[in-house]
Amino acid sequence: MTRLLSPAATADVLAGVLRAGFDPESAPPRTAVPVPAGELLLMPAADHAYAGVKIAGVAPGNPALGLPRITGSYLLLDGANLQPLALLDGAALTELRTPAVSALAVRRLTPDDRPLRLVLFGTGPQAYGHLEAVLAVREVAETVVVGRDPVGARALAGYARTLDVPARAGTPDDVAGADLVVCCTTARTPLFDGTLVAPGATVVAVGSHEPTARETDTALVTRAEVYVEARSAALREAGDLLVPLAEGAIGADHVTGTLADLVNGRVPSGRPRFFKSVGMAWEDLAVAGALYRAVRAS
């Protein structure tokens, strides 16, 4: 899919939807159904041109079997008559869409006048995708990979070096020197001490859409300007915000702004910036439609 649509081009597609006036608050919520192997997710969306639905499986036991943790398919329909147009690999679509959402936030939340020091948590497909997406929108001076699996962390650092980026495996304390921290893990508890994040640094977290799971701690959330895809989705699914809210550390009005606010010109302050993504169906639809058009044009 990346051969059809680069990470930067995918971010442009998402930005175009938001600049055209789409309000993510109006998007249908995700439906999650527990099943013996994990969870089934149903994510429908529609606009004038297309309608579509992603059916994704989240199977936590799959990696131990040598299988992908995320599975699924995306059915793209004609928006005018709901006739099927295409069937896409749902996992591949997610691996393209999620880093592009993050790249769009990184464009607006990080400086573009100097190379960034990147700390990347995770060693799976999303970590690789996020490395490529960040490199598509920013120059990176160094990448530090932090992972539970030292072998996986060294492998991702080695891949970064093949992209001409100095890279090494590191520890959670490396966030103290980071301009950008990206979290794309299956962690259910915070990955690092949020007091270490420098003023003006940006943290992006994409690993969870569960109300009780989080990759960042309360200390970071209370210090940071918080940006989300949609307030309604974040306050329904983002454990990174819901746990501090339940603790009484923040209020429901703690969110500073949305991705649409950033795309349409909001300027962040000198405080740490935190972008929390849960993944939304409108994003899948926008990217699936763009891929369909790219195939038709090729």
C-alpha atoms as a PDB file:
ATOM      1  CA  MET A   1       0.000   0.000   0.000  1.00  0.00           C
ATOM      2  CA  THR A   2       2.870   2.384   0.727  1.00  0.00           C
ATOM      3  CA  ARG A   3       3.918   2.049  -2.915  1.00  0.00           C
ATOM      4  CA  LEU A   4       0.548   3.544  -3.865  1.00  0.00           C
ATOM      5  CA  LEU A   5       0.447   6.174  -1.129  1.00  0.00           C
ATOM      6  CA  SER A   6       3.468   7.403   0.797  1.00  0.00           C
ATOM      7  CA  PRO A   7       3.235   8.324   4.504  1.00  0.00           C
ATOM      8  CA  ALA A   8       3.439  12.037   3.654  1.00  0.00           C
ATOM      9  CA  ALA A   9       0.795  11.731   0.933  1.00  0.00           C
ATOM     10  CA  THR A  10      -1.461   9.815   3.319  1.00  0.00           C
ATOM     11  CA  ALA A  11      -1.099  12.589   5.889  1.00  0.00           C
ATOM     12  CA  ASP A  12      -2.034  15.074   3.161  1.00  0.00           C
ATOM     13  CA  VAL A  13      -5.205  13.087   2.441  1.00  0.00           C
ATOM     14  CA  LEU A  14      -6.240  13.243   6.096  1.00  0.00           C
ATOM     15  CA  ALA A  15      -5.423  16.950   6.306  1.00  0.00           C
ATOM     16  CA  GLY A  16      -7.527  17.582   3.231  1.00  0.00           C
ATOM     17  CA  VAL A  17     -10.563  15.940   4.825  1.00  0.00           C
ATOM     18  CA  LEU A  18     -10.230  18.134   7.901  1.00  0.00           C
ATOM     19  CA  ARG A  19      -9.592  21.321   5.920  1.00  0.00           C
ATOM     20  CA  ALA A  20     -12.725  20.598   3.896  1.00  0.00           C
ATOM     21  CA  GLY A  21     -14.726  20.972   7.092  1.00  0.00           C
ATOM     22  CA  PHE A  22     -15.347  17.385   8.207  1.00  0.00           C
ATOM     23  CA  ASP A  23     -16.051  17.198  11.947  1.00  0.00           C
ATOM     24  CA  PRO A  24     -14.670  13.987  13.507  1.00  0.00           C
ATOM     25  CA  GLU A  25     -17.055  14.461  16.431  1.00  0.00           C
ATOM     26  CA  SER A  26     -19.834  13.342  14.061  1.00  0.00           C
ATOM     27  CA  ALA A  27     -18.131  10.054  13.185  1.00  0.00           C
ATOM     28  CA  PRO A  28     -19.824   6.806  14.260  1.00  0.00           C
ATOM     29  CA  PRO A  29     -18.228   5.181  17.315  1.00  0.00           C
ATOM     30  CA  ARG A  30     -16.221   1.980  17.119  1.00  0.00           C
ATOM     31  CA  THR A  31     -18.040  -1.168  18.193  1.00  0.00           C
ATOM     32  CA  ALA A  32     -15.929  -3.649  20.157  1.00  0.00           C
ATOM     33  CA  VAL A  33     -17.098  -7.219  20.713  1.00  0.00           C
ATOM     34  CA  PRO A  34     -15.180  -9.583  23.035  1.00  0.00           C
ATOM     35  CA  VAL A  35     -14.506 -12.996  21.474  1.00  0.00           C
ATOM     36  CA  PRO A  36     -12.548 -16.012  22.779  1.00  0.00           C
ATOM     37  CA  ALA A  37      -9.391 -15.084  20.831  1.00  0.00           C
ATOM     38  CA  GLY A  38      -9.509 -11.390  21.778  1.00  0.00           C
ATOM     39  CA  GLU A  39     -11.678  -8.678  20.316  1.00  0.00           C
ATOM     40  CA  LEU A  40     -13.567  -7.883  17.105  1.00  0.00           C
ATOM     41  CA  LEU A  41     -13.793  -4.237  16.083  1.00  0.00           C
ATOM     42  CA  LEU A  42     -16.382  -2.823  13.704  1.00  0.00           C
ATOM     43  CA  MET A  43     -15.620   0.638  12.270  1.00  0.00           C
ATOM     44  CA  PRO A  44     -18.128   2.107   9.756  1.00  0.00           C
ATOM     45  CA  ALA A  45     -17.924   5.504   8.069  1.00  0.00           C
ATOM     46  CA  ALA A  46     -19.406   7.324   5.077  1.00  0.00           C
ATOM     47  CA  ASP A  47     -19.077  10.502   3.040  1.00  0.00           C
ATOM     48  CA  HIS A  48     -20.566  11.592  -0.281  1.00  0.00           C
ATOM     49  CA  ALA A  49     -18.056   9.680  -2.399  1.00  0.00           C
ATOM     50  CA  TYR A  50     -17.619   6.480  -0.411  1.00  0.00           C
ATOM     51  CA  ALA A  51     -18.873   4.377   2.458  1.00  0.00           C
ATOM     52  CA  GLY A  52     -16.885   1.659   4.134  1.00  0.00           C
ATOM     53  CA  VAL A  53     -16.414  -0.564   7.116  1.00  0.00           C
ATOM     54  CA  LYS A  54     -13.363  -2.130   8.696  1.00  0.00           C
ATOM     55  CA  ILE A  55     -13.724  -5.399  10.547  1.00  0.00           C
ATOM     56  CA  ALA A  56     -10.570  -5.887  12.587  1.00  0.00           C
ATOM     57  CA  GLY A  57      -9.513  -8.630  14.937  1.00  0.00           C
ATOM     58  CA  VAL A  58      -7.201  -8.020  17.869  1.00  0.00           C
ATOM     59  CA  ALA A  59      -5.701 -11.343  18.976  1.00  0.00           C
ATOM     60  CA  PRO A  60      -3.182 -10.852  21.799  1.00  0.00           C
ATOM     61  CA  GLY A  61      -2.048 -14.483  21.619  1.00  0.00           C
ATOM     62  CA  ASN A  62      -1.154 -14.398  17.937  1.00  0.00           C
ATOM     63  CA  PRO A  63       2.448 -13.109  18.181  1.00  0.00           C
ATOM     64  CA  ALA A  64       3.436 -16.156  20.249  1.00  0.00           C
ATOM     65  CA  LEU A  65       2.139 -18.267  17.369  1.00  0.00           C
ATOM     66  CA  GLY A  66       4.057 -16.277  14.790  1.00  0.00           C
ATOM     67  CA  LEU A  67       0.865 -14.592  13.568  1.00  0.00           C
ATOM     68  CA  PRO A  68      -0.055 -10.873  13.355  1.00  0.00           C
ATOM     69  CA  ARG A  69      -1.760  -9.394  16.412  1.00  0.00           C
ATOM     70  CA  ILE A  70      -4.061  -7.293  14.197  1.00  0.00           C
ATOM     71  CA  THR A  71      -6.110  -8.932  11.430  1.00  0.00           C
ATOM     72  CA  GLY A  72      -9.068  -7.903   9.334  1.00  0.00           C
ATOM     73  CA  SER A  73     -10.485  -6.520   6.115  1.00  0.00           C
ATOM     74  CA  TYR A  74     -11.873  -3.238   4.798  1.00  0.00           C
ATOM     75  CA  LEU A  75     -14.887  -3.138   2.483  1.00  0.00           C
ATOM     76  CA  LEU A  76     -15.098   0.043   0.408  1.00  0.00           C
ATOM     77  CA  LEU A  77     -18.503   0.943  -1.107  1.00  0.00           C
ATOM     78  CA  ASP A  78     -19.744   3.521  -3.568  1.00  0.00           C
ATOM     79  CA  GLY A  79     -21.177   6.387  -1.547  1.00  0.00           C
ATOM     80  CA  ALA A  80     -24.092   6.975  -3.941  1.00  0.00           C
ATOM     81  CA  ASN A  81     -25.440   3.430  -4.214  1.00  0.00           C
ATOM     82  CA  LEU A  82     -23.489   1.360  -1.639  1.00  0.00           C
ATOM     83  CA  GLN A  83     -22.261  -1.072  -4.275  1.00  0.00           C
ATOM     84  CA  PRO A  84     -18.967  -2.746  -3.282  1.00  0.00           C
ATOM     85  CA  LEU A  85     -15.894  -1.255  -4.931  1.00  0.00           C
ATOM     86  CA  ALA A  86     -12.910  -2.897  -3.260  1.00  0.00           C
ATOM     87  CA  LEU A  87     -11.785  -5.198  -0.474  1.00  0.00           C
ATOM     88  CA  LEU A  88      -8.578  -4.110   1.271  1.00  0.00           C
ATOM     89  CA  ASP A  89      -6.284  -5.773   3.778  1.00  0.00           C
ATOM     90  CA  GLY A  90      -7.474  -4.236   7.059  1.00  0.00           C
ATOM     91  CA  ALA A  91      -4.200  -4.699   8.914  1.00  0.00           C
ATOM     92  CA  ALA A  92      -2.185  -3.143   6.082  1.00  0.00           C
ATOM     93  CA  LEU A  93      -4.633  -0.235   5.948  1.00  0.00           C
ATOM     94  CA  THR A  94      -4.201   0.326   9.700  1.00  0.00           C
ATOM     95  CA  GLU A  95      -0.413   0.155   9.348  1.00  0.00           C
ATOM     96  CA  LEU A  96      -0.580   2.950   6.768  1.00  0.00           C
ATOM     97  CA  ARG A  97      -3.321   5.072   8.360  1.00  0.00           C
ATOM     98  CA  THR A  98      -2.126   5.186  11.969  1.00  0.00           C
ATOM     99  CA  PRO A  99       1.411   6.482  11.285  1.00  0.00           C
ATOM    100  CA  ALA A 100      -0.037   9.030   8.853  1.00  0.00           C
ATOM    101  CA  VAL A 101      -2.340  10.414  11.573  1.00  0.00           C
ATOM    102  CA  SER A 102       0.684  10.717  13.844  1.00  0.00           C
ATOM    103  CA  ALA A 103       2.741  12.360  11.087  1.00  0.00           C
ATOM    104  CA  LEU A 104       0.018  14.952  10.619  1.00  0.00           C
ATOM    105  CA  ALA A 105       0.186  15.804  14.326  1.00  0.00           C
ATOM    106  CA  VAL A 106       3.998  15.821  14.253  1.00  0.00           C
ATOM    107  CA  ARG A 107       3.925  18.361  11.414  1.00  0.00           C
ATOM    108  CA  ARG A 108       1.958  20.785  13.589  1.00  0.00           C
ATOM    109  CA  LEU A 109       3.451  20.088  17.023  1.00  0.00           C
ATOM    110  CA  THR A 110       7.197  19.889  16.374  1.00  0.00           C
ATOM    111  CA  PRO A 111       9.684  22.509  15.095  1.00  0.00           C
ATOM    112  CA  ASP A 112      10.790  22.261  11.471  1.00  0.00           C
ATOM    113  CA  ASP A 113      13.937  24.381  11.765  1.00  0.00           C
ATOM    114  CA  ARG A 114      16.244  21.712  13.155  1.00  0.00           C
ATOM    115  CA  PRO A 115      16.648  17.906  13.229  1.00  0.00           C
ATOM    116  CA  LEU A 116      14.702  16.179  15.990  1.00  0.00           C
ATOM    117  CA  ARG A 117      15.867  13.703  18.588  1.00  0.00           C
ATOM    118  CA  LEU A 118      13.346  10.850  18.412  1.00  0.00           C
ATOM    119  CA  VAL A 119      12.652   8.260  21.095  1.00  0.00           C
ATOM    120  CA  LEU A 120      10.501   5.439  19.760  1.00  0.00           C
ATOM    121  CA  PHE A 121       8.783   2.918  22.052  1.00  0.00           C
ATOM    122  CA  GLY A 122       7.881  -0.362  20.356  1.00  0.00           C
ATOM    123  CA  THR A 123       9.380  -2.843  17.914  1.00  0.00           C
ATOM    124  CA  GLY A 124       6.372  -4.078  15.935  1.00  0.00           C
ATOM    125  CA  PRO A 125       4.870  -3.055  12.575  1.00  0.00           C
ATOM    126  CA  GLN A 126       3.527   0.237  13.953  1.00  0.00           C
ATOM    127  CA  ALA A 127       6.977   1.173  15.248  1.00  0.00           C
ATOM    128  CA  TYR A 128       8.502   0.622  11.812  1.00  0.00           C
ATOM    129  CA  GLY A 129       5.643   2.521  10.193  1.00  0.00           C
ATOM    130  CA  HIS A 130       5.983   5.416  12.597  1.00  0.00           C
ATOM    131  CA  LEU A 131       9.720   5.673  12.021  1.00  0.00           C
ATOM    132  CA  GLU A 132       9.110   5.973   8.280  1.00  0.00           C
ATOM    133  CA  ALA A 133       6.239   8.422   8.765  1.00  0.00           C
ATOM    134  CA  VAL A 134       8.245  10.715  11.046  1.00  0.00           C
ATOM    135  CA  LEU A 135      11.137  10.671   8.578  1.00  0.00           C
ATOM    136  CA  ALA A 136       8.686  11.641   5.829  1.00  0.00           C
ATOM    137  CA  VAL A 137       7.776  14.894   7.581  1.00  0.00           C
ATOM    138  CA  ARG A 138      10.810  15.799   9.725  1.00  0.00           C
ATOM    139  CA  GLU A 139      14.578  15.492   9.695  1.00  0.00           C
ATOM    140  CA  VAL A 140      15.769  13.276  12.553  1.00  0.00           C
ATOM    141  CA  ALA A 141      19.153  13.714  14.200  1.00  0.00           C
ATOM    142  CA  GLU A 142      19.008  10.466  16.188  1.00  0.00           C
ATOM    143  CA  THR A 143      16.532   7.682  16.882  1.00  0.00           C
ATOM    144  CA  VAL A 144      16.556   5.810  20.188  1.00  0.00           C
ATOM    145  CA  VAL A 145      14.480   2.629  20.205  1.00  0.00           C
ATOM    146  CA  VAL A 146      13.065   1.365  23.495  1.00  0.00           C
ATOM    147  CA  GLY A 147      11.476  -2.085  23.529  1.00  0.00           C
ATOM    148  CA  ARG A 148      10.767  -4.979  25.850  1.00  0.00           C
ATOM    149  CA  ASP A 149      12.680  -7.231  23.451  1.00  0.00           C
ATOM    150  CA  PRO A 150      16.327  -6.105  23.203  1.00  0.00           C
ATOM    151  CA  VAL A 151      16.764  -8.033  19.963  1.00  0.00           C
ATOM    152  CA  GLY A 152      13.758  -6.284  18.423  1.00  0.00           C
ATOM    153  CA  ALA A 153      14.994  -2.890  19.595  1.00  0.00           C
ATOM    154  CA  ARG A 154      18.418  -3.447  18.063  1.00  0.00           C
ATOM    155  CA  ALA A 155      16.808  -4.652  14.826  1.00  0.00           C
ATOM    156  CA  LEU A 156      14.669  -1.519  14.504  1.00  0.00           C
ATOM    157  CA  ALA A 157      17.668   0.675  15.309  1.00  0.00           C
ATOM    158  CA  GLY A 158      19.576  -1.161  12.594  1.00  0.00           C
ATOM    159  CA  TYR A 159      16.740  -0.525  10.145  1.00  0.00           C
ATOM    160  CA  ALA A 160      16.829   3.177  11.022  1.00  0.00           C
ATOM    161  CA  ARG A 161      20.528   3.240  10.198  1.00  0.00           C
ATOM    162  CA  THR A 162      19.765   1.813   6.754  1.00  0.00           C
ATOM    163  CA  LEU A 163      17.661   4.962   6.274  1.00  0.00           C
ATOM    164  CA  ASP A 164      20.743   7.070   7.102  1.00  0.00           C
ATOM    165  CA  VAL A 165      19.538   7.964  10.600  1.00  0.00           C
ATOM    166  CA  PRO A 166      21.924   7.487  13.561  1.00  0.00           C
ATOM    167  CA  ALA A 167      20.143   5.053  15.857  1.00  0.00           C
ATOM    168  CA  ARG A 168      20.636   2.905  18.936  1.00  0.00           C
ATOM    169  CA  ALA A 169      18.650   0.927  21.484  1.00  0.00           C
ATOM    170  CA  GLY A 170      17.981   2.812  24.696  1.00  0.00           C
ATOM    171  CA  THR A 171      16.008   3.014  27.925  1.00  0.00           C
ATOM    172  CA  PRO A 172      12.900   4.913  29.068  1.00  0.00           C
ATOM    173  CA  ASP A 173      15.085   7.590  30.658  1.00  0.00           C
ATOM    174  CA  ASP A 174      16.158   8.660  27.162  1.00  0.00           C
ATOM    175  CA  VAL A 175      12.905  10.651  26.912  1.00  0.00           C
ATOM    176  CA  ALA A 176      14.668  13.381  28.904  1.00  0.00           C
ATOM    177  CA  GLY A 177      16.694  14.326  25.822  1.00  0.00           C
ATOM    178  CA  ALA A 178      13.952  13.849  23.241  1.00  0.00           C
ATOM    179  CA  ASP A 179      12.244  16.403  21.046  1.00  0.00           C
ATOM    180  CA  LEU A 180       9.713  13.772  19.980  1.00  0.00           C
ATOM    181  CA  VAL A 181       8.559  10.631  21.804  1.00  0.00           C
ATOM    182  CA  VAL A 182       6.406   8.148  19.899  1.00  0.00           C
ATOM    183  CA  CYS A 183       4.666   5.298  21.719  1.00  0.00           C
ATOM    184  CA  CYS A 184       3.258   2.439  19.655  1.00  0.00           C
ATOM    185  CA  THR A 185       3.143  -0.529  22.006  1.00  0.00           C
ATOM    186  CA  THR A 186       0.653  -2.897  23.590  1.00  0.00           C
ATOM    187  CA  ALA A 187       1.576  -1.630  27.067  1.00  0.00           C
ATOM    188  CA  ARG A 188      -1.212  -1.258  29.594  1.00  0.00           C
ATOM    189  CA  THR A 189       0.771   0.839  32.073  1.00  0.00           C
ATOM    190  CA  PRO A 190       2.989   3.928  31.536  1.00  0.00           C
ATOM    191  CA  LEU A 191       6.224   3.421  29.647  1.00  0.00           C
ATOM    192  CA  PHE A 192       8.229   6.305  31.145  1.00  0.00           C
ATOM    193  CA  ASP A 193       8.305   9.044  33.781  1.00  0.00           C
ATOM    194  CA  GLY A 194       6.381  11.987  32.378  1.00  0.00           C
ATOM    195  CA  THR A 195       8.265  14.506  34.516  1.00  0.00           C
ATOM    196  CA  LEU A 196      11.342  13.816  32.358  1.00  0.00           C
ATOM    197  CA  VAL A 197       9.746  15.157  29.170  1.00  0.00           C
ATOM    198  CA  ALA A 198      11.230  18.547  28.299  1.00  0.00           C
ATOM    199  CA  PRO A 199       9.142  21.707  27.850  1.00  0.00           C
ATOM    200  CA  GLY A 200       8.401  22.067  24.150  1.00  0.00           C
ATOM    201  CA  ALA A 201       8.846  18.347  23.470  1.00  0.00           C
ATOM    202  CA  THR A 202       6.057  16.349  21.816  1.00  0.00           C
ATOM    203  CA  VAL A 203       4.719  12.941  22.830  1.00  0.00           C
ATOM    204  CA  VAL A 204       2.536  10.871  20.487  1.00  0.00           C
ATOM    205  CA  ALA A 205       0.756   7.767  21.804  1.00  0.00           C
ATOM    206  CA  VAL A 206      -1.163   5.402  19.523  1.00  0.00           C
ATOM    207  CA  GLY A 207      -0.948   1.987  21.161  1.00  0.00           C
ATOM    208  CA  SER A 208      -4.302   1.696  22.897  1.00  0.00           C
ATOM    209  CA  HIS A 209      -7.975   2.473  22.430  1.00  0.00           C
ATOM    210  CA  GLU A 210      -8.998   0.864  25.737  1.00  0.00           C
ATOM    211  CA  PRO A 211     -10.272   2.959  28.673  1.00  0.00           C
ATOM    212  CA  THR A 212      -8.051   1.187  31.221  1.00  0.00           C
ATOM    213  CA  ALA A 213      -4.829   0.898  29.189  1.00  0.00           C
ATOM    214  CA  ARG A 214      -2.296   3.690  28.764  1.00  0.00           C
ATOM    215  CA  GLU A 215       1.253   4.299  27.574  1.00  0.00           C
ATOM    216  CA  THR A 216       1.758   7.646  29.340  1.00  0.00           C
ATOM    217  CA  ASP A 217       1.444   8.641  32.980  1.00  0.00           C
ATOM    218  CA  THR A 218      -0.633  11.191  34.833  1.00  0.00           C
ATOM    219  CA  ALA A 219       2.380  13.458  35.335  1.00  0.00           C
ATOM    220  CA  LEU A 220       2.762  13.984  31.593  1.00  0.00           C
ATOM    221  CA  VAL A 221      -0.937  14.492  30.950  1.00  0.00           C
ATOM    222  CA  THR A 222      -1.310  17.122  33.660  1.00  0.00           C
ATOM    223  CA  ARG A 223       1.755  19.057  32.372  1.00  0.00           C
ATOM    224  CA  ALA A 224       0.946  18.885  28.685  1.00  0.00           C
ATOM    225  CA  GLU A 225      -1.203  20.563  26.111  1.00  0.00           C
ATOM    226  CA  VAL A 226      -3.380  17.634  25.043  1.00  0.00           C
ATOM    227  CA  TYR A 227      -4.584  17.118  21.471  1.00  0.00           C
ATOM    228  CA  VAL A 228      -6.873  14.343  20.221  1.00  0.00           C
ATOM    229  CA  GLU A 229      -8.643  13.287  17.027  1.00  0.00           C
ATOM    230  CA  ALA A 230     -12.053  13.952  18.598  1.00  0.00           C
ATOM    231  CA  ARG A 231     -12.969  14.786  22.162  1.00  0.00           C
ATOM    232  CA  SER A 232     -15.865  12.333  22.165  1.00  0.00           C
ATOM    233  CA  ALA A 233     -13.698   9.414  21.018  1.00  0.00           C
ATOM    234  CA  ALA A 234     -10.886  10.260  23.429  1.00  0.00           C
ATOM    235  CA  LEU A 235     -13.211  10.526  26.420  1.00  0.00           C
ATOM    236  CA  ARG A 236     -14.775   7.213  25.444  1.00  0.00           C
ATOM    237  CA  GLU A 237     -11.635   5.178  24.670  1.00  0.00           C
ATOM    238  CA  ALA A 238      -8.339   6.846  25.639  1.00  0.00           C
ATOM    239  CA  GLY A 239      -7.047   5.343  28.858  1.00  0.00           C
ATOM    240  CA  ASP A 240      -4.159   7.826  28.764  1.00  0.00           C
ATOM    241  CA  LEU A 241      -6.772  10.492  29.579  1.00  0.00           C
ATOM    242  CA  LEU A 242      -9.485   8.475  31.296  1.00  0.00           C
ATOM    243  CA  VAL A 243      -7.207   7.118  34.029  1.00  0.00           C
ATOM    244  CA  PRO A 244      -6.024  10.620  35.108  1.00  0.00           C
ATOM    245  CA  LEU A 245      -9.644  11.762  34.857  1.00  0.00           C
ATOM    246  CA  ALA A 246     -10.765   8.957  37.180  1.00  0.00           C
ATOM    247  CA  GLU A 247      -7.958   9.871  39.571  1.00  0.00           C
ATOM    248  CA  GLY A 248      -9.230  13.443  39.679  1.00  0.00           C
ATOM    249  CA  ALA A 249      -5.928  14.770  38.318  1.00  0.00           C
ATOM    250  CA  ILE A 250      -7.612  16.416  35.318  1.00  0.00           C
ATOM    251  CA  GLY A 251     -11.096  17.471  34.326  1.00  0.00           C
ATOM    252  CA  ALA A 252     -13.103  16.536  31.260  1.00  0.00           C
ATOM    253  CA  ASP A 253     -12.168  19.923  29.787  1.00  0.00           C
ATOM    254  CA  HIS A 254      -8.420  19.240  29.961  1.00  0.00           C
ATOM    255  CA  VAL A 255      -8.121  18.574  26.206  1.00  0.00           C
ATOM    256  CA  THR A 256      -6.522  21.630  24.581  1.00  0.00           C
ATOM    257  CA  GLY A 257      -7.599  20.974  21.019  1.00  0.00           C
ATOM    258  CA  THR A 258      -8.126  18.507  18.213  1.00  0.00           C
ATOM    259  CA  LEU A 259      -6.258  17.406  15.128  1.00  0.00           C
ATOM    260  CA  ALA A 260      -8.596  19.603  13.088  1.00  0.00           C
ATOM    261  CA  ASP A 261      -7.615  22.595  15.229  1.00  0.00           C
ATOM    262  CA  LEU A 262      -3.945  21.905  14.498  1.00  0.00           C
ATOM    263  CA  VAL A 263      -4.515  21.415  10.773  1.00  0.00           C
ATOM    264  CA  ASN A 264      -6.471  24.647  10.608  1.00  0.00           C
ATOM    265  CA  GLY A 265      -3.769  26.707  12.258  1.00  0.00           C
ATOM    266  CA  ARG A 266      -3.756  26.400  16.045  1.00  0.00           C
ATOM    267  CA  VAL A 267      -0.257  27.102  17.405  1.00  0.00           C
ATOM    268  CA  PRO A 268       0.954  25.109  20.431  1.00  0.00           C
ATOM    269  CA  SER A 269       2.649  26.771  23.422  1.00  0.00           C
ATOM    270  CA  GLY A 270       6.003  26.029  25.044  1.00  0.00           C
ATOM    271  CA  ARG A 271       4.549  23.352  27.314  1.00  0.00           C
ATOM    272  CA  PRO A 272       4.994  19.666  26.471  1.00  0.00           C
ATOM    273  CA  ARG A 273       2.562  18.651  23.716  1.00  0.00           C
ATOM    274  CA  PHE A 274       0.724  15.340  23.896  1.00  0.00           C
ATOM    275  CA  PHE A 275      -1.197  13.885  20.974  1.00  0.00           C
ATOM    276  CA  LYS A 276      -3.302  10.871  21.869  1.00  0.00           C
ATOM    277  CA  SER A 277      -4.714   8.858  18.965  1.00  0.00           C
ATOM    278  CA  VAL A 278      -7.271   6.083  19.320  1.00  0.00           C
ATOM    279  CA  GLY A 279      -7.818   5.580  15.575  1.00  0.00           C
ATOM    280  CA  MET A 280     -11.123   6.516  13.935  1.00  0.00           C
ATOM    281  CA  ALA A 281     -13.224   5.111  11.119  1.00  0.00           C
ATOM    282  CA  TRP A 282     -13.209   8.346   9.091  1.00  0.00           C
ATOM    283  CA  GLU A 283      -9.443   8.008   8.765  1.00  0.00           C
ATOM    284  CA  ASP A 284      -9.751   4.484   7.355  1.00  0.00           C
ATOM    285  CA  LEU A 285     -12.378   5.651   4.871  1.00  0.00           C
ATOM    286  CA  ALA A 286     -10.291   8.599   3.686  1.00  0.00           C
ATOM    287  CA  VAL A 287      -7.197   6.452   3.149  1.00  0.00           C
ATOM    288  CA  ALA A 288      -9.117   3.574   1.549  1.00  0.00           C
ATOM    289  CA  GLY A 289     -10.740   6.003  -0.887  1.00  0.00           C
ATOM    290  CA  ALA A 290      -7.371   7.519  -1.763  1.00  0.00           C
ATOM    291  CA  LEU A 291      -5.880   4.064  -2.346  1.00  0.00           C
ATOM    292  CA  TYR A 292      -8.812   3.131  -4.574  1.00  0.00           C
ATOM    293  CA  ARG A 293      -8.332   6.286  -6.643  1.00  0.00           C
ATOM    294  CA  ALA A 294      -4.604   5.601  -6.901  1.00  0.00           C
ATOM    295  CA  VAL A 295      -5.208   2.095  -8.209  1.00  0.00           C
ATOM    296  CA  ARG A 296      -7.763   3.341 -10.727  1.00  0.00           C
ATOM    297  CA  ALA A 297      -5.319   5.978 -11.950  1.00  0.00           C
ATOM    298  CA  SER A 298      -2.400   3.567 -12.303  1.00  0.00           C
END
